[in-house]
């Protein structure tokens, strides 16, 4: 029982399981499907949907701004009609993307790439219609690239950053070729392009770290659930009674052996005194420095129990394990062993006594043949009668123990 209870206390620390990334994990991004296409977890589709909500809100803000304030906000200052039509088309594309995401959840990378390229094209055109790099709309591409890098795989985020850089540089080339701007004006788009790549790389690395942490947390959660289930099954099937008692003497858990040993059918989450006032008193004494093991006999069952108190090792909650061991069963087994040993001892003694009895009986027979006289005959008969009597007694006792 000591070994069993020790295993119960240390089972959580001793149990090591081989962990694999579960298919239903929010961080599990790719699972091979029958058609060879990767299936992406729900969390990435949700992220893509939120990304599209941002796109729709941004397009709506642009459209409402030019409809309400015209070109006073410097939006569409170079070409107002292009800005207006592009903002409307951008909003319509966001609505169409939402419909596709709701109806058709497949080809995640293709949909993500379409969304990002639409952002790049729309924002570059809006930036051009608003007098180019000076409008500040190129910074909005950083948000799109960061959002795409959170859910993109492999080198896709570098492709998105490259396309955004090409779009910004082509837009600036328009101003240099068509509007005769100085070639030094490439400096700002160049810095912005560097920012695109830096944002994509850093965001993607952070996303990968978050994904790994999420996987680890999910795996540890599954391991903990498995360990708790194993511990619960061990406690339920163990031969001794086990109770988990908190610092307020509330029984958090007990196995089916506890009611059998204490003779009470008490529901869960009951005070320890409801199970046994004696056990509750000894637990209080143990917490104050008393003995960790006591022997008592509940009046309801009459069984002799050995009660042991063991700290659970959990710092929070002050949980205590109470083990109830039925030692009356051990006493019965010890009594049976004693009786068996006594039987073997009796058989050995009987065997040792029979040998000299046989010698005495044989000597009496010889003495009868050689001796003469009635007095001698009487003594020989006494010897033989008592030898036979002892032999019967030994034989009878041997048969009883056998």
Protein backbone atom coordinates (compact mmCIF):
# COMPACT_ATOMS: atom_id res chain seq x y z
CA UNK A 1 0.00 0.00 0.00
CA UNK A 2 2.94 2.35 0.67
CA UNK A 3 4.19 1.82 -2.86
CA UNK A 4 0.71 2.34 -4.28
CA UNK A 5 0.15 5.59 -2.39
CA UNK A 6 3.61 6.85 -3.31
CA UNK A 7 2.83 6.20 -6.95
CA UNK A 8 -0.38 8.16 -6.59
CA UNK A 9 1.46 11.16 -5.15
CA UNK A 10 4.21 11.17 -7.79
CA UNK A 11 2.33 9.86 -10.84
CA UNK A 12 1.88 13.30 -12.38
CA UNK A 13 5.60 14.01 -12.30
CA UNK A 14 6.61 10.52 -13.42
CA UNK A 15 4.28 10.21 -16.38
CA UNK A 16 6.01 11.11 -19.65
CA UNK A 17 4.01 10.88 -22.86
CA UNK A 18 5.04 11.16 -26.47
CA UNK A 19 3.37 14.28 -27.83
CA UNK A 20 2.29 14.91 -31.38
CA UNK A 21 0.57 17.94 -32.82
CA UNK A 22 -3.16 17.16 -32.86
CA UNK A 23 -5.02 17.54 -36.07
CA UNK A 24 -7.72 19.66 -34.43
CA UNK A 25 -5.25 22.09 -32.88
CA UNK A 26 -5.77 25.75 -33.73
CA UNK A 27 -2.08 25.86 -34.50
CA UNK A 28 -2.13 22.82 -36.74
CA UNK A 29 -2.13 24.52 -40.08
CA UNK A 30 -1.74 21.79 -42.66
CA UNK A 31 -3.36 18.36 -42.76
CA UNK A 32 -3.14 16.30 -45.91
CA UNK A 33 -6.55 15.82 -47.45
CA UNK A 34 -7.64 13.13 -49.86
CA UNK A 35 -7.18 15.37 -52.86
CA UNK A 36 -3.66 16.36 -51.89
CA UNK A 37 -4.71 19.92 -50.94
CA UNK A 38 -3.79 21.24 -47.50
CA UNK A 39 -6.61 21.84 -45.05
CA UNK A 40 -6.10 24.92 -42.90
CA UNK A 41 -7.41 25.14 -39.35
CA UNK A 42 -10.37 27.30 -38.46
CA UNK A 43 -8.24 29.89 -36.68
CA UNK A 44 -6.50 30.87 -39.93
CA UNK A 45 -9.76 31.18 -41.81
CA UNK A 46 -11.04 33.36 -38.96
CA UNK A 47 -7.90 35.50 -39.18
CA UNK A 48 -8.41 35.90 -42.93
CA UNK A 49 -12.03 36.91 -42.31
CA UNK A 50 -10.98 39.56 -39.76
CA UNK A 51 -8.36 40.77 -42.21
CA UNK A 52 -11.11 41.22 -44.78
CA UNK A 53 -13.24 43.15 -42.26
CA UNK A 54 -10.34 45.59 -41.90
CA UNK A 55 -10.15 45.86 -45.70
CA UNK A 56 -13.87 46.61 -45.98
CA UNK A 57 -13.68 49.20 -43.18
CA UNK A 58 -10.67 50.90 -44.80
CA UNK A 59 -12.35 51.03 -48.21
CA UNK A 60 -15.56 52.37 -46.67
CA UNK A 61 -13.63 55.09 -44.83
CA UNK A 62 -11.92 56.16 -48.05
CA UNK A 63 -15.21 56.19 -49.96
CA UNK A 64 -17.15 58.09 -47.30
CA UNK A 65 -14.32 60.57 -46.83
CA UNK A 66 -14.27 61.62 -50.48
CA UNK A 67 -18.06 61.59 -50.74
CA UNK A 68 -18.47 63.84 -47.69
CA UNK A 69 -15.38 66.06 -47.80
CA UNK A 70 -14.41 65.87 -51.46
CA UNK A 71 -10.70 66.55 -52.04
CA UNK A 72 -10.27 68.77 -48.97
CA UNK A 73 -8.54 65.91 -47.14
CA UNK A 74 -5.97 65.61 -49.95
CA UNK A 75 -7.55 62.28 -50.89
CA UNK A 76 -7.83 62.18 -54.66
CA UNK A 77 -6.05 65.51 -55.00
CA UNK A 78 -4.35 64.41 -58.22
CA UNK A 79 -7.29 62.57 -59.78
CA UNK A 80 -10.49 62.64 -57.75
CA UNK A 81 -12.56 60.42 -60.04
CA UNK A 82 -9.96 57.64 -60.07
CA UNK A 83 -9.78 57.76 -56.27
CA UNK A 84 -13.57 57.61 -55.98
CA UNK A 85 -14.00 54.71 -58.39
CA UNK A 86 -11.04 52.82 -56.93
CA UNK A 87 -12.38 53.18 -53.37
CA UNK A 88 -15.78 51.91 -54.53
CA UNK A 89 -14.22 48.98 -56.37
CA UNK A 90 -12.05 48.26 -53.31
CA UNK A 91 -15.15 48.11 -51.09
CA UNK A 92 -16.97 45.89 -53.60
CA UNK A 93 -13.96 43.54 -53.70
CA UNK A 94 -14.00 43.31 -49.88
CA UNK A 95 -17.69 42.40 -49.94
CA UNK A 96 -17.05 39.78 -52.64
CA UNK A 97 -14.18 38.33 -50.60
CA UNK A 98 -16.49 38.04 -47.59
CA UNK A 99 -19.04 36.11 -49.65
CA UNK A 100 -16.36 33.76 -50.97
CA UNK A 101 -14.99 33.19 -47.46
CA UNK A 102 -18.47 32.36 -46.18
CA UNK A 103 -19.38 29.99 -49.03
CA UNK A 104 -16.11 28.41 -50.14
CA UNK A 105 -13.41 27.57 -47.62
CA UNK A 106 -10.75 26.08 -49.80
CA UNK A 107 -7.45 27.09 -51.40
CA UNK A 108 -6.36 29.25 -48.48
CA UNK A 109 -3.11 30.44 -50.06
CA UNK A 110 -4.85 31.41 -53.30
CA UNK A 111 -7.47 33.44 -51.47
CA UNK A 112 -4.88 35.10 -49.23
CA UNK A 113 -2.73 36.00 -52.22
CA UNK A 114 -5.75 37.45 -54.05
CA UNK A 115 -6.60 39.58 -51.01
CA UNK A 116 -3.07 40.91 -50.59
CA UNK A 117 -2.58 41.66 -54.30
CA UNK A 118 -5.92 43.49 -54.27
CA UNK A 119 -4.72 45.58 -51.32
CA UNK A 120 -1.47 46.40 -53.11
CA UNK A 121 -3.16 47.33 -56.36
CA UNK A 122 -5.91 49.39 -54.71
CA UNK A 123 -3.64 51.28 -52.32
CA UNK A 124 -1.06 52.02 -55.02
CA UNK A 125 -3.78 53.45 -57.30
CA UNK A 126 -5.28 55.42 -54.41
CA UNK A 127 -1.83 56.71 -53.53
CA UNK A 128 -1.23 57.75 -57.15
CA UNK A 129 -4.59 59.52 -57.27
CA UNK A 130 -3.64 61.39 -54.09
CA UNK A 131 -0.33 62.87 -55.36
CA UNK A 132 1.89 59.86 -54.76
CA UNK A 133 4.19 59.08 -51.85
CA UNK A 134 3.44 62.42 -50.17
CA UNK A 135 -0.13 61.28 -49.43
CA UNK A 136 1.13 58.78 -46.85
CA UNK A 137 -1.15 56.03 -48.12
CA UNK A 138 1.84 53.79 -48.79
CA UNK A 139 2.13 53.22 -45.04
CA UNK A 140 -1.24 51.44 -45.12
CA UNK A 141 0.44 48.61 -47.01
CA UNK A 142 2.50 47.86 -43.89
CA UNK A 143 -0.69 46.81 -42.10
CA UNK A 144 -1.75 44.58 -44.98
CA UNK A 145 1.68 42.95 -45.15
CA UNK A 146 1.80 42.44 -41.39
CA UNK A 147 -1.63 40.82 -41.39
CA UNK A 148 -0.71 38.58 -44.33
CA UNK A 149 2.57 37.55 -42.70
CA UNK A 150 0.73 36.33 -39.62
CA UNK A 151 -1.05 33.61 -41.60
CA UNK A 152 1.20 33.07 -44.63
CA UNK A 153 3.58 30.13 -45.03
CA UNK A 154 7.12 29.86 -46.35
CA UNK A 155 8.25 32.54 -48.80
CA UNK A 156 4.79 33.89 -49.59
CA UNK A 157 5.31 36.82 -47.23
CA UNK A 158 8.48 37.75 -49.16
CA UNK A 159 6.47 37.60 -52.38
CA UNK A 160 3.89 39.97 -50.91
CA UNK A 161 6.60 42.38 -49.75
CA UNK A 162 8.24 42.25 -53.19
CA UNK A 163 4.95 42.99 -54.96
CA UNK A 164 4.25 45.91 -52.63
CA UNK A 165 7.75 47.30 -53.22
CA UNK A 166 7.36 46.93 -56.99
CA UNK A 167 4.00 48.70 -56.85
CA UNK A 168 5.35 51.62 -54.84
CA UNK A 169 8.46 51.95 -57.05
CA UNK A 170 6.37 51.79 -60.24
CA UNK A 171 4.07 54.44 -58.85
CA UNK A 172 7.04 56.69 -58.13
CA UNK A 173 8.41 55.95 -61.59
CA UNK A 174 5.18 57.39 -63.01
CA UNK A 175 5.83 60.69 -61.28
CA UNK A 176 9.41 60.79 -62.51
CA UNK A 177 8.58 59.84 -66.11
CA UNK A 178 5.23 61.58 -66.53
CA UNK A 179 5.47 64.52 -64.13
CA UNK A 180 9.22 65.19 -64.36
CA UNK A 181 9.93 64.72 -60.66
CA UNK A 182 13.55 64.45 -59.56
CA UNK A 183 15.13 61.01 -59.48
CA UNK A 184 16.08 61.62 -55.84
CA UNK A 185 12.42 61.17 -54.98
CA UNK A 186 13.06 57.38 -55.14
CA UNK A 187 14.63 57.63 -51.70
CA UNK A 188 11.33 57.63 -49.79
CA UNK A 189 9.78 54.74 -51.77
CA UNK A 190 13.04 52.85 -51.29
CA UNK A 191 12.89 53.27 -47.52
CA UNK A 192 9.25 52.25 -47.60
CA UNK A 193 10.13 49.12 -49.58
CA UNK A 194 12.76 48.22 -46.97
CA UNK A 195 10.06 48.66 -44.35
CA UNK A 196 7.80 46.28 -46.26
CA UNK A 197 10.40 43.50 -46.19
CA UNK A 198 11.33 44.18 -42.56
CA UNK A 199 7.67 44.13 -41.51
CA UNK A 200 7.00 40.89 -43.39
CA UNK A 201 10.05 39.12 -41.97
CA UNK A 202 9.66 40.27 -38.37
CA UNK A 203 5.92 39.69 -38.27
CA UNK A 204 6.29 36.24 -39.79
CA UNK A 205 8.98 35.26 -37.26
CA UNK A 206 6.83 36.47 -34.38
CA UNK A 207 3.87 34.59 -35.81
CA UNK A 208 5.91 31.38 -36.04
CA UNK A 209 6.96 31.78 -32.41
CA UNK A 210 3.35 32.33 -31.37
CA UNK A 211 2.30 29.26 -33.35
CA UNK A 212 4.95 27.12 -31.65
CA UNK A 213 3.91 28.38 -28.23
CA UNK A 214 0.28 27.67 -29.07
CA UNK A 215 1.16 24.15 -30.16
CA UNK A 216 3.17 23.61 -27.00
CA UNK A 217 0.37 24.93 -24.81
CA UNK A 218 -2.16 22.72 -26.56
CA UNK A 219 0.09 19.66 -26.28
CA UNK A 220 0.69 20.27 -22.59
CA UNK A 221 -3.03 20.73 -22.10
CA UNK A 222 -3.67 17.35 -23.70
CA UNK A 223 -0.89 15.77 -21.61
CA UNK A 224 -2.33 17.24 -18.43
CA UNK A 225 -5.81 16.00 -19.31
CA UNK A 226 -4.40 12.52 -20.00
CA UNK A 227 -2.48 12.51 -16.72
CA UNK A 228 -5.53 13.60 -14.77
CA UNK A 229 -7.59 10.87 -16.41
CA UNK A 230 -4.95 8.24 -15.64
CA UNK A 231 -4.63 9.42 -12.04
CA UNK A 232 -8.39 9.35 -11.63
CA UNK A 233 -8.61 5.80 -12.96
CA UNK A 234 -5.77 4.67 -10.70
CA UNK A 235 -7.50 6.20 -7.69
CA UNK A 236 -10.81 4.60 -8.63
CA UNK A 237 -9.30 1.12 -9.01
CA UNK A 238 -6.85 1.11 -6.09
CA UNK A 239 -7.63 -1.37 -3.29
CA UNK A 240 -7.22 1.18 -0.50
CA UNK A 241 -9.59 4.06 0.18
CA UNK A 242 -8.30 7.41 -1.07
CA UNK A 243 -9.62 10.87 -0.26
CA UNK A 244 -8.36 14.26 -1.46
CA UNK A 245 -9.01 16.87 1.26
CA UNK A 246 -8.38 20.60 0.93
CA UNK A 247 -7.24 22.99 3.63
CA UNK A 248 -10.84 23.55 4.74
CA UNK A 249 -11.39 19.81 5.31
CA UNK A 250 -13.59 19.60 2.23
CA UNK A 251 -13.36 16.22 0.48
CA UNK A 252 -12.73 17.09 -3.19
CA UNK A 253 -12.47 13.49 -4.39
CA UNK A 254 -12.81 9.97 -3.05
CA UNK A 255 -12.84 6.53 -4.61
CA UNK A 256 -15.55 3.85 -4.16
CA UNK A 257 -13.55 2.05 -1.42
CA UNK A 258 -14.06 4.90 1.06
CA UNK A 259 -17.80 4.25 1.68
CA UNK A 260 -17.08 0.51 1.98
CA UNK A 261 -14.39 1.04 4.62
CA UNK A 262 -16.17 3.76 6.60
CA UNK A 263 -19.71 2.41 6.16
CA UNK A 264 -21.12 5.78 5.01
CA UNK A 265 -22.39 6.81 1.59
CA UNK A 266 -21.56 10.52 1.59
CA UNK A 267 -21.93 12.68 -1.56
CA UNK A 268 -19.06 14.56 -3.14
CA UNK A 269 -17.88 17.91 -1.76
CA UNK A 270 -18.72 17.12 1.86
CA UNK A 271 -16.75 17.95 4.97
CA UNK A 272 -14.37 15.23 6.20
CA UNK A 273 -16.26 15.10 9.50
CA UNK A 274 -19.28 13.88 7.54
CA UNK A 275 -17.27 10.81 6.58
CA UNK A 276 -15.57 10.21 9.93
CA UNK A 277 -15.09 12.51 12.91
CA UNK A 278 -12.17 10.36 14.05
CA UNK A 279 -10.35 10.77 10.73
CA UNK A 280 -11.05 14.51 10.78
CA UNK A 281 -9.62 14.78 14.29
CA UNK A 282 -6.48 12.83 13.40
CA UNK A 283 -6.01 14.97 10.26
CA UNK A 284 -6.14 18.12 12.38
CA UNK A 285 -3.63 16.61 14.81
CA UNK A 286 -1.33 15.65 11.90
CA UNK A 287 -1.39 19.21 10.57
CA UNK A 288 -0.35 20.38 14.01
CA UNK A 289 2.61 17.99 14.07
CA UNK A 290 0.96 14.75 15.13
CA UNK A 291 1.59 11.26 13.74
CA UNK A 292 1.13 10.68 10.02
CA UNK A 293 -0.45 7.24 10.50
CA UNK A 294 -3.02 6.03 13.01
CA UNK A 295 -5.10 2.88 13.52
CA UNK A 296 -8.82 3.06 14.23
CA UNK A 297 -11.92 0.90 13.98
CA UNK A 298 -15.09 2.61 12.62
CA UNK A 299 -18.23 1.54 14.47
CA UNK A 300 -20.22 1.30 11.23
CA UNK A 301 -18.06 -1.44 9.71
CA UNK A 302 -15.99 -2.78 12.58
CA UNK A 303 -12.97 -3.05 10.28
CA UNK A 304 -9.55 -2.22 11.60
CA UNK A 305 -8.20 0.61 9.44
CA UNK A 306 -4.77 2.17 9.11
CA UNK A 307 -5.18 5.85 8.21
CA UNK A 308 -2.25 7.70 6.66
CA UNK A 309 -1.96 11.39 5.75
CA UNK A 310 0.31 12.48 2.90
CA UNK A 311 0.83 15.99 1.56
CA UNK A 312 -0.06 16.21 -2.13
CA UNK A 313 2.93 18.40 -2.99
CA UNK A 314 0.70 21.02 -4.61
CA UNK A 315 1.61 24.43 -3.25
CA UNK A 316 -1.77 26.00 -3.98
CA UNK A 317 -4.86 24.74 -2.19
CA UNK A 318 -3.09 22.77 0.56
CA UNK A 319 -4.46 19.43 -0.64
CA UNK A 320 -3.90 16.34 1.49
CA UNK A 321 -4.20 12.70 0.50
CA UNK A 322 -5.87 10.46 3.08
CA UNK A 323 -5.30 6.72 2.60
CA UNK A 324 -7.53 4.17 4.33
CA UNK A 325 -6.01 0.69 4.49
CA UNK A 326 -7.99 -2.31 5.73
CA UNK A 327 -5.47 -4.04 8.01
CA UNK A 328 -8.08 -6.48 9.41
CA UNK A 329 -7.65 -8.36 6.16
CA UNK A 330 -3.91 -8.44 6.76
CA UNK A 331 -4.46 -9.71 10.29
CA UNK A 332 -6.61 -12.53 8.95
CA UNK A 333 -3.91 -13.42 6.48
CA UNK A 334 -1.30 -13.33 9.25
CA UNK A 335 -3.48 -15.61 11.41
CA UNK A 336 -3.80 -18.06 8.56
CA UNK A 337 -0.04 -18.02 8.10
CA UNK A 338 0.46 -18.68 11.81
CA UNK A 339 -1.93 -21.63 11.73
CA UNK A 340 -0.20 -23.06 8.69
CA UNK A 341 3.18 -22.68 10.37
CA UNK A 342 1.85 -24.30 13.53
CA UNK A 343 0.54 -27.24 11.50
CA UNK A 344 3.91 -27.75 9.88
CA UNK A 345 5.60 -27.55 13.28
CA UNK A 346 3.21 -30.11 14.75
CA UNK A 347 3.82 -32.47 11.85
CA UNK A 348 7.57 -32.19 12.36
CA UNK A 349 7.27 -32.82 16.09
CA UNK A 350 5.01 -35.80 15.49
CA UNK A 351 7.51 -37.25 13.08
CA UNK A 352 10.30 -36.81 15.61
CA UNK A 353 8.25 -38.42 18.42
CA UNK A 354 7.19 -41.45 16.38
CA UNK A 355 10.76 -42.60 15.85
CA UNK A 356 11.61 -43.09 19.55
CA UNK A 357 8.13 -44.52 20.18
CA UNK A 358 8.78 -47.14 17.57
CA UNK A 359 12.11 -47.96 19.21
CA UNK A 360 10.48 -48.21 22.65
CA UNK A 361 7.73 -50.49 21.33
CA UNK A 362 10.26 -52.74 19.60
CA UNK A 363 12.43 -52.89 22.72
CA UNK A 364 9.36 -53.87 24.76
CA UNK A 365 8.64 -56.72 22.39
CA UNK A 366 12.20 -57.99 22.73
CA UNK A 367 12.09 -57.66 26.49
CA UNK A 368 8.90 -59.73 26.66
CA UNK A 369 10.51 -62.54 24.73
CA UNK A 370 13.63 -62.66 26.92
CA UNK A 371 12.32 -61.80 30.37
CA UNK A 372 10.46 -64.22 32.64
CA UNK A 373 8.23 -63.75 35.63
CA UNK A 374 4.88 -62.06 36.16
CA UNK A 375 6.42 -58.82 37.46
CA UNK A 376 8.49 -58.34 34.36
CA UNK A 377 5.51 -59.17 32.13
CA UNK A 378 3.46 -56.44 33.82
CA UNK A 379 6.18 -53.81 33.31
CA UNK A 380 6.53 -54.72 29.65
CA UNK A 381 2.79 -54.39 29.17
CA UNK A 382 2.82 -50.95 30.79
CA UNK A 383 5.58 -49.84 28.44
CA UNK A 384 3.78 -51.07 25.35
CA UNK A 385 0.37 -49.66 26.37
CA UNK A 386 1.75 -46.17 27.01
CA UNK A 387 3.81 -46.25 23.81
CA UNK A 388 0.70 -47.14 21.79
CA UNK A 389 -1.24 -44.42 23.57
CA UNK A 390 1.36 -41.79 22.69
CA UNK A 391 1.41 -43.01 19.10
CA UNK A 392 -2.39 -42.64 18.82
CA UNK A 393 -2.25 -39.14 20.29
CA UNK A 394 0.43 -38.01 17.85
CA UNK A 395 -1.46 -39.59 14.96
CA UNK A 396 -4.73 -37.91 15.94
CA UNK A 397 -3.11 -34.44 16.28
CA UNK A 398 -1.36 -34.84 12.94
CA UNK A 399 -4.62 -35.69 11.21
CA UNK A 400 -6.36 -32.68 12.79
CA UNK A 401 -3.73 -30.19 11.50
CA UNK A 402 -3.62 -31.91 8.13
